């Protein structure tokens, strides 16, 4: 399917980014022989949903609907949690840092985001939401057990950070790896009186581009591949 490769995410704070990147640097230094695609600090984020190829027309409507959802939430706080890997059984392929005690606000927000995406004909998620920050992808499972065990055994500083928006990103696949462009930033602007309550149904850096320039809001399409 043609279109721009889109995902929805929550950005993390500089302090949280520093903790994650320091952990990556320590593992990379200790296990230089293990083939892992480590994420660059500016690309670290919490994925709400990976959408895949998306037309400009659908992107405009997605932006409109998610703006409405975001406006019904106010900023909330999250905290870095324990490290882990996917899959839990078998040979690990993805290394991540979790979110400690994910708040009701985050789960409600992700649920409404999911509803909006399904209403636009994206495939529903077949697994429950597990908020995390992907820090690396194992390229070769051989000799990877040691780095995975060290990763999982390392305590992560429980840095708190505030979530003030949802971001729409485009991911471009280049020979040197993926580059993210932020298309839109959707602010959480609700006043306390208008904060969405549990059960309420739903009614745009390596993270900019290669030069650090933010993309201007444009615009998506039907059933898509899924990715962490």
N, C-alpha and C. Protein backbone atom coordinates (compact mmCIF):
# COMPACT_ATOMS: atom_id res chain seq x y z
N UNK A 1 0.84 -1.18 0.00
CA UNK A 1 0.00 0.00 0.00
C UNK A 1 0.88 1.24 0.00
N UNK A 2 0.53 2.19 -0.90
CA UNK A 2 1.30 3.42 -1.00
C UNK A 2 0.92 4.36 0.15
N UNK A 3 1.79 5.31 0.41
CA UNK A 3 1.52 6.29 1.44
C UNK A 3 2.72 6.46 2.35
N UNK A 4 2.56 7.37 3.27
CA UNK A 4 3.63 7.67 4.22
C UNK A 4 3.56 6.70 5.39
N UNK A 5 4.71 6.31 5.88
CA UNK A 5 4.81 5.32 6.97
C UNK A 5 4.65 6.06 8.30
N UNK A 6 3.50 5.86 8.94
CA UNK A 6 3.08 6.69 10.07
C UNK A 6 3.00 5.89 11.37
N UNK A 7 3.39 6.55 12.47
CA UNK A 7 3.10 5.99 13.79
C UNK A 7 2.75 7.11 14.75
N UNK A 8 2.07 6.74 15.84
CA UNK A 8 1.62 7.69 16.86
C UNK A 8 2.41 7.42 18.14
N UNK A 9 2.86 8.48 18.80
CA UNK A 9 3.77 8.27 19.92
C UNK A 9 3.65 9.36 20.97
N UNK A 10 4.26 9.07 22.11
CA UNK A 10 4.44 10.04 23.19
C UNK A 10 5.94 10.30 23.31
N UNK A 11 6.32 11.54 23.29
CA UNK A 11 7.73 11.90 23.48
C UNK A 11 8.09 11.81 24.96
N UNK A 12 9.36 11.53 25.24
CA UNK A 12 9.82 11.49 26.62
C UNK A 12 10.67 12.73 26.89
N UNK A 13 10.93 13.00 28.17
CA UNK A 13 11.68 14.20 28.55
C UNK A 13 13.17 14.01 28.29
N UNK A 14 13.91 15.11 28.31
CA UNK A 14 15.36 15.04 28.15
C UNK A 14 16.00 14.20 29.25
N UNK A 15 15.47 14.33 30.49
CA UNK A 15 16.04 13.57 31.60
C UNK A 15 15.83 12.07 31.41
N UNK A 16 14.64 11.68 30.97
CA UNK A 16 14.36 10.27 30.69
C UNK A 16 15.20 9.78 29.52
N UNK A 17 15.37 10.64 28.53
CA UNK A 17 16.17 10.29 27.35
C UNK A 17 17.63 10.04 27.75
N UNK A 18 18.13 10.85 28.69
CA UNK A 18 19.52 10.70 29.15
C UNK A 18 19.71 9.37 29.86
N UNK A 19 18.75 8.99 30.71
CA UNK A 19 18.84 7.71 31.42
C UNK A 19 18.85 6.55 30.43
N UNK A 20 17.95 6.59 29.46
CA UNK A 20 17.87 5.51 28.47
C UNK A 20 19.13 5.43 27.62
N UNK A 21 19.63 6.57 27.17
CA UNK A 21 20.81 6.57 26.30
C UNK A 21 22.06 6.16 27.07
N UNK A 22 22.15 6.49 28.35
CA UNK A 22 23.28 6.06 29.17
C UNK A 22 23.27 4.54 29.32
N UNK A 23 22.09 3.97 29.47
CA UNK A 23 21.95 2.51 29.55
C UNK A 23 22.39 1.86 28.24
N UNK A 24 21.98 2.46 27.12
CA UNK A 24 22.38 1.95 25.80
C UNK A 24 23.90 2.00 25.66
N UNK A 25 24.49 3.12 26.02
CA UNK A 25 25.95 3.27 25.89
C UNK A 25 26.70 2.23 26.71
N UNK A 26 26.19 1.96 27.92
CA UNK A 26 26.86 0.98 28.79
C UNK A 26 26.81 -0.42 28.17
N UNK A 27 25.66 -0.78 27.61
CA UNK A 27 25.52 -2.10 26.99
C UNK A 27 26.36 -2.19 25.71
N UNK A 28 26.35 -1.14 24.92
CA UNK A 28 27.13 -1.14 23.68
C UNK A 28 28.63 -1.28 23.99
N UNK A 29 29.08 -0.61 25.05
CA UNK A 29 30.50 -0.67 25.43
C UNK A 29 30.88 -2.05 25.96
N UNK A 30 29.98 -2.64 26.75
CA UNK A 30 30.28 -3.93 27.37
C UNK A 30 30.18 -5.08 26.38
N UNK A 31 29.32 -4.95 25.36
CA UNK A 31 29.10 -6.04 24.41
C UNK A 31 29.27 -5.56 22.97
N UNK A 32 30.44 -5.10 22.61
CA UNK A 32 30.65 -4.55 21.26
C UNK A 32 30.52 -5.60 20.15
N UNK A 33 30.68 -6.87 20.51
CA UNK A 33 30.65 -7.93 19.50
C UNK A 33 29.23 -8.38 19.16
N UNK A 34 28.26 -8.01 19.96
CA UNK A 34 26.87 -8.43 19.73
C UNK A 34 26.19 -7.47 18.77
N UNK A 35 25.58 -8.03 17.75
CA UNK A 35 24.92 -7.19 16.73
C UNK A 35 23.53 -6.76 17.21
N UNK A 36 23.47 -5.52 17.67
CA UNK A 36 22.21 -4.93 18.10
C UNK A 36 22.06 -3.58 17.42
N UNK A 37 20.88 -3.32 16.87
CA UNK A 37 20.60 -2.00 16.30
C UNK A 37 20.14 -1.08 17.41
N UNK A 38 21.06 -0.35 18.02
CA UNK A 38 20.71 0.53 19.14
C UNK A 38 20.04 1.80 18.63
N UNK A 39 19.00 2.21 19.32
CA UNK A 39 18.30 3.44 18.93
C UNK A 39 19.10 4.67 19.32
N UNK A 40 19.07 5.69 18.46
CA UNK A 40 19.71 6.96 18.79
C UNK A 40 18.86 7.70 19.83
N UNK A 41 19.48 8.47 20.70
CA UNK A 41 18.73 9.14 21.78
C UNK A 41 17.54 9.95 21.29
N UNK A 42 17.70 10.66 20.18
CA UNK A 42 16.62 11.54 19.70
C UNK A 42 15.42 10.76 19.16
N UNK A 43 15.56 9.46 18.96
CA UNK A 43 14.46 8.66 18.42
C UNK A 43 13.67 7.92 19.49
N UNK A 44 14.07 8.03 20.73
CA UNK A 44 13.40 7.29 21.80
C UNK A 44 12.01 7.86 22.07
N UNK A 45 11.03 6.99 22.23
CA UNK A 45 9.64 7.42 22.40
C UNK A 45 8.81 6.24 22.92
N UNK A 46 7.56 6.51 23.28
CA UNK A 46 6.58 5.48 23.64
C UNK A 46 5.60 5.37 22.48
N UNK A 47 5.55 4.24 21.82
CA UNK A 47 4.62 4.06 20.70
C UNK A 47 3.20 3.82 21.22
N UNK A 48 2.26 4.60 20.70
CA UNK A 48 0.84 4.37 20.98
C UNK A 48 0.24 3.44 19.93
N UNK A 49 0.65 3.63 18.67
CA UNK A 49 0.19 2.73 17.60
C UNK A 49 1.03 2.95 16.35
N UNK A 50 1.44 1.84 15.75
CA UNK A 50 2.12 1.91 14.45
C UNK A 50 1.07 1.69 13.37
N UNK A 51 0.99 2.62 12.42
CA UNK A 51 -0.06 2.58 11.41
C UNK A 51 0.42 2.07 10.06
N UNK A 52 1.66 2.38 9.71
CA UNK A 52 2.16 1.95 8.41
C UNK A 52 1.76 2.91 7.30
N UNK A 53 1.78 2.43 6.05
CA UNK A 53 1.50 3.30 4.89
C UNK A 53 0.15 4.00 5.01
N UNK A 54 0.16 5.31 4.84
CA UNK A 54 -1.02 6.13 5.09
C UNK A 54 -1.12 7.24 4.05
N UNK A 55 -2.29 7.38 3.48
CA UNK A 55 -2.49 8.42 2.47
C UNK A 55 -2.62 9.79 3.11
N UNK A 56 -2.35 10.83 2.33
CA UNK A 56 -2.48 12.20 2.83
C UNK A 56 -3.91 12.49 3.25
N UNK A 57 -4.87 11.97 2.51
CA UNK A 57 -6.28 12.22 2.82
C UNK A 57 -6.64 11.64 4.19
N UNK A 58 -6.20 10.41 4.46
CA UNK A 58 -6.48 9.80 5.75
C UNK A 58 -5.73 10.50 6.87
N UNK A 59 -4.53 10.97 6.58
CA UNK A 59 -3.73 11.66 7.59
C UNK A 59 -4.41 12.93 8.06
N UNK A 60 -5.04 13.66 7.15
CA UNK A 60 -5.76 14.88 7.53
C UNK A 60 -6.90 14.54 8.49
N UNK A 61 -7.65 13.47 8.17
CA UNK A 61 -8.77 13.08 9.03
C UNK A 61 -8.28 12.53 10.36
N UNK A 62 -7.18 11.78 10.35
CA UNK A 62 -6.60 11.27 11.59
C UNK A 62 -6.19 12.43 12.50
N UNK A 63 -5.53 13.42 11.94
CA UNK A 63 -5.11 14.59 12.70
C UNK A 63 -6.31 15.28 13.33
N UNK A 64 -7.36 15.43 12.56
CA UNK A 64 -8.56 16.11 13.06
C UNK A 64 -9.18 15.35 14.23
N UNK A 65 -9.33 14.05 14.07
CA UNK A 65 -9.98 13.25 15.13
C UNK A 65 -9.11 13.15 16.39
N UNK A 66 -7.82 13.00 16.20
CA UNK A 66 -6.94 12.88 17.37
C UNK A 66 -6.78 14.22 18.09
N UNK A 67 -6.87 15.32 17.36
CA UNK A 67 -6.86 16.63 18.00
C UNK A 67 -8.02 16.76 18.97
N UNK A 68 -9.17 16.25 18.54
CA UNK A 68 -10.36 16.28 19.39
C UNK A 68 -10.19 15.40 20.62
N UNK A 69 -9.59 14.23 20.44
CA UNK A 69 -9.34 13.34 21.57
C UNK A 69 -8.36 13.98 22.55
N UNK A 70 -7.25 14.50 22.04
CA UNK A 70 -6.22 15.08 22.90
C UNK A 70 -6.76 16.25 23.71
N UNK A 71 -7.67 17.01 23.13
CA UNK A 71 -8.22 18.19 23.80
C UNK A 71 -9.06 17.82 25.02
N UNK A 72 -9.41 16.56 25.16
CA UNK A 72 -10.22 16.11 26.28
C UNK A 72 -9.37 15.57 27.43
N UNK A 73 -8.05 15.67 27.28
CA UNK A 73 -7.13 15.21 28.33
C UNK A 73 -6.27 16.38 28.79
N UNK A 74 -5.85 16.31 30.04
CA UNK A 74 -4.85 17.26 30.52
C UNK A 74 -3.53 16.52 30.70
N UNK A 75 -2.46 17.26 30.86
CA UNK A 75 -1.13 16.66 31.01
C UNK A 75 -1.11 15.71 32.21
N UNK A 76 -0.33 14.64 32.08
CA UNK A 76 -0.18 13.69 33.18
C UNK A 76 1.28 13.24 33.24
N UNK A 77 1.64 12.56 34.32
CA UNK A 77 3.03 12.18 34.55
C UNK A 77 3.22 10.67 34.42
N UNK A 78 4.38 10.29 33.88
CA UNK A 78 4.78 8.89 33.77
C UNK A 78 6.16 8.74 34.40
N UNK A 79 6.57 7.49 34.61
CA UNK A 79 7.86 7.22 35.24
C UNK A 79 8.51 6.01 34.59
N UNK A 80 9.81 6.10 34.32
CA UNK A 80 10.53 4.97 33.76
C UNK A 80 10.47 3.78 34.72
N UNK A 81 10.37 2.57 34.14
CA UNK A 81 10.27 1.37 34.95
C UNK A 81 11.38 0.39 34.63
N UNK A 82 11.09 -0.89 34.85
CA UNK A 82 12.09 -1.94 34.67
C UNK A 82 12.35 -2.20 33.19
N UNK A 83 13.50 -2.80 32.92
CA UNK A 83 13.86 -3.16 31.55
C UNK A 83 13.34 -4.55 31.22
N UNK A 84 13.21 -4.84 29.93
CA UNK A 84 12.71 -6.14 29.50
C UNK A 84 13.00 -6.37 28.04
N UNK A 85 12.44 -7.45 27.50
CA UNK A 85 12.65 -7.79 26.09
C UNK A 85 11.44 -8.51 25.53
N UNK A 86 11.29 -8.44 24.22
CA UNK A 86 10.26 -9.17 23.48
C UNK A 86 10.94 -10.12 22.50
N UNK A 87 10.38 -11.30 22.25
CA UNK A 87 9.32 -11.92 23.04
C UNK A 87 9.83 -12.38 24.38
N UNK A 88 8.89 -12.62 25.31
CA UNK A 88 9.30 -13.05 26.63
C UNK A 88 9.85 -14.47 26.61
N UNK A 89 9.36 -15.29 25.68
CA UNK A 89 9.86 -16.65 25.53
C UNK A 89 10.56 -16.78 24.18
N UNK A 90 11.57 -17.60 24.12
CA UNK A 90 12.31 -17.76 22.88
C UNK A 90 13.45 -16.76 22.78
N UNK A 91 13.91 -16.54 21.56
CA UNK A 91 15.05 -15.65 21.35
C UNK A 91 14.59 -14.18 21.33
N UNK A 92 15.09 -13.36 22.26
CA UNK A 92 14.68 -11.95 22.31
C UNK A 92 15.10 -11.20 21.04
N UNK A 93 14.22 -10.36 20.57
CA UNK A 93 14.50 -9.55 19.38
C UNK A 93 14.47 -8.06 19.67
N UNK A 94 13.70 -7.67 20.69
CA UNK A 94 13.55 -6.24 21.01
C UNK A 94 13.90 -6.01 22.48
N UNK A 95 14.76 -5.03 22.74
CA UNK A 95 15.10 -4.64 24.11
C UNK A 95 14.38 -3.33 24.43
N UNK A 96 13.79 -3.26 25.61
CA UNK A 96 13.00 -2.08 25.95
C UNK A 96 13.14 -1.69 27.41
N UNK A 97 12.75 -0.44 27.70
CA UNK A 97 12.62 0.06 29.06
C UNK A 97 11.15 0.38 29.28
N UNK A 98 10.60 -0.17 30.34
CA UNK A 98 9.16 -0.05 30.57
C UNK A 98 8.76 1.24 31.25
N UNK A 99 7.45 1.38 31.41
CA UNK A 99 6.86 2.51 32.13
C UNK A 99 6.28 1.97 33.42
N UNK A 100 6.71 2.52 34.54
CA UNK A 100 6.30 2.03 35.84
C UNK A 100 4.88 2.45 36.17
N UNK A 101 4.04 1.46 36.47
CA UNK A 101 2.67 1.74 36.88
C UNK A 101 1.99 2.74 35.94
N UNK A 102 1.86 2.32 34.69
CA UNK A 102 1.21 3.18 33.69
C UNK A 102 -0.12 3.70 34.22
N UNK A 103 -0.34 4.99 34.09
CA UNK A 103 -1.51 5.63 34.68
C UNK A 103 -2.78 5.31 33.92
N UNK A 104 -3.92 5.52 34.59
CA UNK A 104 -5.20 5.36 33.93
C UNK A 104 -5.31 6.33 32.75
N UNK A 105 -4.73 7.53 32.92
CA UNK A 105 -4.77 8.52 31.84
C UNK A 105 -4.12 7.96 30.58
N UNK A 106 -2.95 7.34 30.72
CA UNK A 106 -2.26 6.79 29.56
C UNK A 106 -3.07 5.68 28.92
N UNK A 107 -3.62 4.80 29.71
CA UNK A 107 -4.39 3.68 29.16
C UNK A 107 -5.67 4.15 28.49
N UNK A 108 -6.34 5.13 29.08
CA UNK A 108 -7.55 5.67 28.46
C UNK A 108 -7.20 6.37 27.14
N UNK A 109 -6.12 7.15 27.17
CA UNK A 109 -5.70 7.86 25.97
C UNK A 109 -5.36 6.87 24.86
N UNK A 110 -4.57 5.84 25.17
CA UNK A 110 -4.21 4.86 24.15
C UNK A 110 -5.45 4.14 23.62
N UNK A 111 -6.40 3.87 24.49
CA UNK A 111 -7.62 3.19 24.06
C UNK A 111 -8.42 4.05 23.09
N UNK A 112 -8.49 5.35 23.37
CA UNK A 112 -9.22 6.23 22.46
C UNK A 112 -8.47 6.40 21.13
N UNK A 113 -7.15 6.47 21.20
CA UNK A 113 -6.36 6.52 19.97
C UNK A 113 -6.62 5.27 19.13
N UNK A 114 -6.65 4.12 19.78
CA UNK A 114 -6.92 2.86 19.08
C UNK A 114 -8.30 2.89 18.41
N UNK A 115 -9.30 3.39 19.12
CA UNK A 115 -10.65 3.47 18.56
C UNK A 115 -10.69 4.36 17.32
N UNK A 116 -10.00 5.48 17.38
CA UNK A 116 -9.96 6.38 16.23
C UNK A 116 -9.31 5.68 15.03
N UNK A 117 -8.21 4.98 15.27
CA UNK A 117 -7.50 4.32 14.18
C UNK A 117 -8.35 3.20 13.57
N UNK A 118 -9.03 2.43 14.39
CA UNK A 118 -9.90 1.36 13.88
C UNK A 118 -11.04 1.96 13.07
N UNK A 119 -11.56 3.11 13.50
CA UNK A 119 -12.65 3.76 12.77
C UNK A 119 -12.19 4.23 11.39
N UNK A 120 -10.88 4.39 11.21
CA UNK A 120 -10.31 4.80 9.92
C UNK A 120 -9.80 3.58 9.14
N UNK A 121 -10.24 2.39 9.56
CA UNK A 121 -9.97 1.13 8.84
C UNK A 121 -8.56 0.60 9.04
N UNK A 122 -7.91 0.98 10.13
CA UNK A 122 -6.64 0.34 10.48
C UNK A 122 -6.95 -0.93 11.26
N UNK A 123 -6.05 -1.88 11.17
CA UNK A 123 -6.22 -3.15 11.87
C UNK A 123 -6.18 -2.92 13.39
N UNK A 124 -7.13 -3.51 14.14
CA UNK A 124 -7.06 -3.41 15.60
C UNK A 124 -5.88 -4.20 16.15
N UNK A 125 -5.35 -3.76 17.27
CA UNK A 125 -4.25 -4.47 17.91
C UNK A 125 -4.74 -5.81 18.45
N UNK A 126 -3.92 -6.84 18.29
CA UNK A 126 -4.31 -8.16 18.79
C UNK A 126 -3.66 -8.48 20.13
N UNK A 127 -2.92 -7.50 20.69
CA UNK A 127 -2.30 -7.68 21.99
C UNK A 127 -2.63 -6.48 22.87
N UNK A 128 -2.64 -6.71 24.18
CA UNK A 128 -2.93 -5.62 25.10
C UNK A 128 -1.79 -4.60 25.07
N UNK A 129 -2.10 -3.37 25.38
CA UNK A 129 -1.13 -2.28 25.35
C UNK A 129 -0.09 -2.47 26.44
N UNK A 130 1.19 -2.42 26.06
CA UNK A 130 2.30 -2.56 27.01
C UNK A 130 3.24 -1.39 26.78
N UNK A 131 3.02 -0.27 27.47
CA UNK A 131 3.83 0.93 27.21
C UNK A 131 5.30 0.70 27.50
N UNK A 132 6.16 1.06 26.56
CA UNK A 132 7.60 0.86 26.71
C UNK A 132 8.35 1.74 25.73
N UNK A 133 9.65 1.83 25.94
CA UNK A 133 10.55 2.57 25.06
C UNK A 133 11.52 1.56 24.45
N UNK A 134 11.44 1.35 23.16
CA UNK A 134 12.35 0.43 22.50
C UNK A 134 13.74 1.07 22.43
N UNK A 135 14.76 0.34 22.93
CA UNK A 135 16.12 0.89 22.91
C UNK A 135 17.04 0.14 21.94
N UNK A 136 16.63 -1.04 21.49
CA UNK A 136 17.49 -1.78 20.56
C UNK A 136 16.79 -2.99 19.98
N UNK A 137 17.26 -3.40 18.80
CA UNK A 137 16.73 -4.59 18.13
C UNK A 137 17.88 -5.53 17.83
N UNK A 138 17.75 -6.76 18.29
CA UNK A 138 18.81 -7.76 18.11
C UNK A 138 18.87 -8.16 16.64
N UNK A 139 20.03 -7.95 16.02
CA UNK A 139 20.21 -8.27 14.60
C UNK A 139 20.62 -9.71 14.38
N UNK A 140 21.33 -10.28 15.35
CA UNK A 140 21.81 -11.64 15.24
C UNK A 140 21.65 -12.30 16.61
N UNK A 141 20.76 -13.30 16.73
CA UNK A 141 20.51 -13.90 18.04
C UNK A 141 21.70 -14.66 18.61
N UNK A 142 22.66 -14.99 17.76
CA UNK A 142 23.84 -15.69 18.25
C UNK A 142 24.64 -14.77 19.19
N UNK A 143 25.01 -15.31 20.33
CA UNK A 143 25.80 -14.57 21.33
C UNK A 143 25.05 -13.38 21.91
N UNK A 144 23.72 -13.34 21.76
CA UNK A 144 22.97 -12.19 22.26
C UNK A 144 22.46 -12.38 23.69
N UNK A 145 22.53 -13.61 24.21
CA UNK A 145 21.96 -13.90 25.52
C UNK A 145 22.60 -13.05 26.62
N UNK A 146 23.91 -12.86 26.54
CA UNK A 146 24.61 -12.11 27.59
C UNK A 146 24.15 -10.66 27.65
N UNK A 147 24.01 -10.02 26.50
CA UNK A 147 23.58 -8.62 26.50
C UNK A 147 22.14 -8.51 26.97
N UNK A 148 21.30 -9.46 26.60
CA UNK A 148 19.90 -9.44 27.03
C UNK A 148 19.82 -9.59 28.55
N UNK A 149 20.59 -10.54 29.09
CA UNK A 149 20.58 -10.75 30.54
C UNK A 149 21.11 -9.52 31.29
N UNK A 150 22.17 -8.91 30.76
CA UNK A 150 22.71 -7.71 31.40
C UNK A 150 21.70 -6.57 31.35
N UNK A 151 21.03 -6.44 30.23
CA UNK A 151 19.99 -5.41 30.07
C UNK A 151 18.88 -5.59 31.10
N UNK A 152 18.39 -6.80 31.21
CA UNK A 152 17.26 -7.06 32.11
C UNK A 152 17.67 -6.95 33.58
N UNK A 153 18.94 -7.17 33.88
CA UNK A 153 19.40 -7.15 35.26
C UNK A 153 19.79 -5.75 35.74
N UNK A 154 19.89 -4.80 34.83
CA UNK A 154 20.35 -3.46 35.20
C UNK A 154 19.20 -2.60 35.73
N UNK A 155 19.30 -2.08 36.93
CA UNK A 155 18.26 -1.19 37.46
C UNK A 155 18.19 0.09 36.63
N UNK A 156 17.00 0.56 36.37
CA UNK A 156 16.79 1.79 35.60
C UNK A 156 16.32 2.89 36.55
N UNK A 157 16.96 4.03 36.49
CA UNK A 157 16.56 5.15 37.35
C UNK A 157 15.12 5.55 37.03
N UNK A 158 14.30 5.64 38.06
CA UNK A 158 12.86 5.89 37.88
C UNK A 158 12.58 7.38 37.67
N UNK A 159 13.03 7.90 36.56
CA UNK A 159 12.82 9.31 36.24
C UNK A 159 11.36 9.57 35.88
N UNK A 160 10.79 10.61 36.45
CA UNK A 160 9.43 11.02 36.11
C UNK A 160 9.47 12.07 35.01
N UNK A 161 8.44 12.06 34.17
CA UNK A 161 8.34 13.09 33.13
C UNK A 161 6.87 13.36 32.83
N UNK A 162 6.61 14.54 32.32
CA UNK A 162 5.24 14.96 32.04
C UNK A 162 4.89 14.72 30.58
N UNK A 163 3.69 14.22 30.36
CA UNK A 163 3.16 14.02 29.00
C UNK A 163 2.20 15.16 28.71
N UNK A 164 2.52 15.96 27.70
CA UNK A 164 1.69 17.12 27.36
C UNK A 164 1.07 17.03 25.98
N UNK A 165 1.42 16.00 25.21
CA UNK A 165 0.93 15.92 23.84
C UNK A 165 1.07 14.52 23.28
N UNK A 166 0.41 14.30 22.16
CA UNK A 166 0.56 13.10 21.34
C UNK A 166 1.16 13.54 20.02
N UNK A 167 2.12 12.79 19.51
CA UNK A 167 2.79 13.17 18.27
C UNK A 167 2.44 12.20 17.14
N UNK A 168 2.30 12.75 15.95
CA UNK A 168 2.17 11.94 14.73
C UNK A 168 3.50 12.02 14.01
N UNK A 169 4.12 10.86 13.77
CA UNK A 169 5.43 10.79 13.14
C UNK A 169 5.36 10.04 11.81
N UNK A 170 6.23 10.48 10.91
CA UNK A 170 6.50 9.70 9.70
C UNK A 170 7.87 9.04 9.87
N UNK A 171 7.94 7.77 9.52
CA UNK A 171 9.20 7.03 9.57
C UNK A 171 9.64 6.70 8.15
N UNK A 172 10.81 7.23 7.77
CA UNK A 172 11.35 6.97 6.44
C UNK A 172 12.48 5.96 6.56
N UNK A 173 12.42 4.91 5.75
CA UNK A 173 13.45 3.88 5.77
C UNK A 173 14.55 4.23 4.77
N UNK A 174 15.74 4.44 5.30
CA UNK A 174 16.91 4.78 4.49
C UNK A 174 17.95 3.66 4.61
N UNK A 175 18.92 3.62 3.70
CA UNK A 175 19.97 2.59 3.80
C UNK A 175 20.71 2.64 5.14
N UNK A 176 20.75 3.82 5.75
CA UNK A 176 21.45 3.97 7.03
C UNK A 176 20.53 3.73 8.23
N UNK A 177 19.28 3.42 7.97
CA UNK A 177 18.31 3.22 9.05
C UNK A 177 17.12 4.15 8.92
N UNK A 178 16.19 4.05 9.84
CA UNK A 178 14.99 4.88 9.78
C UNK A 178 15.25 6.28 10.31
N UNK A 179 14.54 7.25 9.73
CA UNK A 179 14.58 8.65 10.18
C UNK A 179 13.16 9.08 10.45
N UNK A 180 12.93 9.71 11.60
CA UNK A 180 11.60 10.13 11.99
C UNK A 180 11.39 11.62 11.71
N UNK A 181 10.22 11.97 11.17
CA UNK A 181 9.83 13.36 10.98
C UNK A 181 8.53 13.60 11.73
N UNK A 182 8.53 14.59 12.60
CA UNK A 182 7.32 14.90 13.35
C UNK A 182 6.38 15.69 12.46
N UNK A 183 5.20 15.15 12.22
CA UNK A 183 4.22 15.78 11.35
C UNK A 183 3.31 16.71 12.13
N UNK A 184 2.91 16.26 13.31
CA UNK A 184 1.95 17.04 14.08
C UNK A 184 2.11 16.75 15.57
N UNK A 185 1.85 17.78 16.39
CA UNK A 185 1.89 17.65 17.84
C UNK A 185 0.52 18.03 18.37
N UNK A 186 -0.16 17.08 19.00
CA UNK A 186 -1.53 17.29 19.45
C UNK A 186 -1.54 17.48 20.96
N UNK A 187 -1.79 18.70 21.40
CA UNK A 187 -1.64 19.05 22.82
C UNK A 187 -2.79 18.53 23.67
N UNK A 188 -2.44 18.11 24.88
CA UNK A 188 -3.44 17.73 25.89
C UNK A 188 -3.84 19.01 26.61
N UNK A 189 -5.01 19.50 26.30
CA UNK A 189 -5.36 20.86 26.72
C UNK A 189 -6.58 20.95 27.63
N UNK A 190 -7.17 19.83 28.05
CA UNK A 190 -8.40 19.89 28.84
C UNK A 190 -8.16 20.56 30.18
N UNK A 191 -9.15 21.30 30.65
CA UNK A 191 -9.13 21.82 32.01
C UNK A 191 -9.53 20.68 32.94
N UNK A 192 -9.24 20.77 34.23
CA UNK A 192 -9.62 19.70 35.16
C UNK A 192 -11.10 19.34 35.08
N UNK A 193 -11.94 20.31 34.85
CA UNK A 193 -13.38 20.05 34.80
C UNK A 193 -13.77 19.24 33.58
N UNK A 194 -12.95 19.31 32.52
CA UNK A 194 -13.28 18.63 31.28
C UNK A 194 -12.48 17.35 31.07
N UNK A 195 -11.66 16.98 32.06
CA UNK A 195 -10.84 15.78 31.94
C UNK A 195 -11.72 14.57 31.68
N UNK A 196 -11.35 13.74 30.69
CA UNK A 196 -12.13 12.55 30.35
C UNK A 196 -12.08 11.58 31.52
N UNK A 197 -13.19 10.89 31.76
CA UNK A 197 -13.26 9.93 32.86
C UNK A 197 -13.24 8.51 32.30
N UNK A 198 -12.90 7.55 33.15
CA UNK A 198 -12.78 6.16 32.73
C UNK A 198 -14.08 5.68 32.14
N UNK A 199 -14.00 5.04 30.99
CA UNK A 199 -15.17 4.48 30.35
C UNK A 199 -15.84 5.43 29.38
N UNK A 200 -15.36 6.67 29.27
CA UNK A 200 -15.93 7.62 28.33
C UNK A 200 -15.51 7.26 26.92
N UNK A 201 -16.43 7.07 25.97
CA UNK A 201 -16.05 6.68 24.62
C UNK A 201 -15.41 7.83 23.86
N UNK A 202 -14.67 7.50 22.81
CA UNK A 202 -13.97 8.51 22.03
C UNK A 202 -14.91 9.27 21.11
N UNK A 203 -15.04 10.21 20.93
CA UNK A 203 -15.82 11.01 19.94
C UNK A 203 -15.24 10.87 18.54
N UNK A 204 -0.72 15.74 15.25
CA UNK A 204 0.32 16.19 14.34
C UNK A 204 1.34 16.46 15.37
N UNK A 205 14.66 15.94 15.55
CA UNK A 205 15.32 14.91 16.43
C UNK A 205 15.63 13.64 15.65
N UNK A 206 16.47 13.23 15.00
CA UNK A 206 16.12 12.00 14.37
C UNK A 206 14.62 11.99 14.44
N UNK A 207 14.04 12.78 15.46
CA UNK A 207 12.61 12.85 15.62
C UNK A 207 12.04 14.00 14.80
N UNK A 208 12.83 14.79 14.18
CA UNK A 208 12.31 15.78 13.24
C UNK A 208 12.62 15.23 11.87
N UNK A 209 13.75 15.60 11.32
CA UNK A 209 14.21 14.94 10.12
C UNK A 209 15.72 14.92 10.17
N UNK A 210 16.35 14.53 9.11
CA UNK A 210 17.80 14.39 9.15
C UNK A 210 18.49 15.70 9.46
N UNK A 211 17.85 16.82 9.15
CA UNK A 211 18.46 18.13 9.39
C UNK A 211 17.91 18.79 10.64
N UNK A 212 16.91 18.13 11.28
CA UNK A 212 16.31 18.72 12.48
C UNK A 212 15.15 19.63 12.15
N UNK A 213 14.71 19.65 10.89
CA UNK A 213 13.62 20.51 10.48
C UNK A 213 12.29 19.80 10.65
N UNK A 214 11.33 20.45 11.27
CA UNK A 214 10.03 19.84 11.47
C UNK A 214 9.23 19.88 10.18
N UNK A 215 8.60 18.75 9.86
CA UNK A 215 7.78 18.69 8.65
C UNK A 215 6.50 19.47 8.86
N UNK A 216 5.95 20.01 7.78
CA UNK A 216 4.69 20.73 7.89
C UNK A 216 3.55 19.73 7.82
N UNK A 217 2.43 19.98 8.54
CA UNK A 217 1.34 19.03 8.58
C UNK A 217 0.80 18.77 7.19
N UNK A 218 0.76 17.52 6.75
CA UNK A 218 0.11 17.15 5.54
C UNK A 218 -1.01 16.19 5.80
N UNK A 219 -0.79 15.03 5.06
CA UNK A 219 -1.86 14.10 5.22
C UNK A 219 -1.79 12.71 4.72
N UNK A 220 -3.78 9.77 4.87
CA UNK A 220 -3.41 8.37 5.16
C UNK A 220 -4.35 7.36 4.59
N UNK A 221 -4.19 5.81 4.92
CA UNK A 221 -4.97 4.89 4.11
C UNK A 221 -5.21 3.57 4.75
N UNK A 222 -5.72 2.65 4.25
CA UNK A 222 -6.37 1.48 4.81
C UNK A 222 -5.49 0.46 5.49
N UNK A 223 -5.88 -0.78 5.49
CA UNK A 223 -5.31 -1.82 6.34
C UNK A 223 -3.80 -1.91 6.21
N UNK A 224 -3.12 -1.91 7.33
CA UNK A 224 -1.69 -1.71 7.31
C UNK A 224 -0.94 -2.74 8.13
N UNK A 225 0.34 -2.82 7.87
CA UNK A 225 1.22 -3.68 8.64
C UNK A 225 1.35 -3.11 10.04
N UNK A 226 1.69 -3.96 11.00
CA UNK A 226 1.92 -3.50 12.36
C UNK A 226 3.35 -3.75 12.77
N UNK A 227 3.82 -2.90 13.66
CA UNK A 227 5.21 -2.99 14.10
C UNK A 227 5.31 -2.38 15.49
N UNK A 228 6.25 -2.87 16.30
CA UNK A 228 6.44 -2.32 17.64
C UNK A 228 6.92 -0.88 17.56
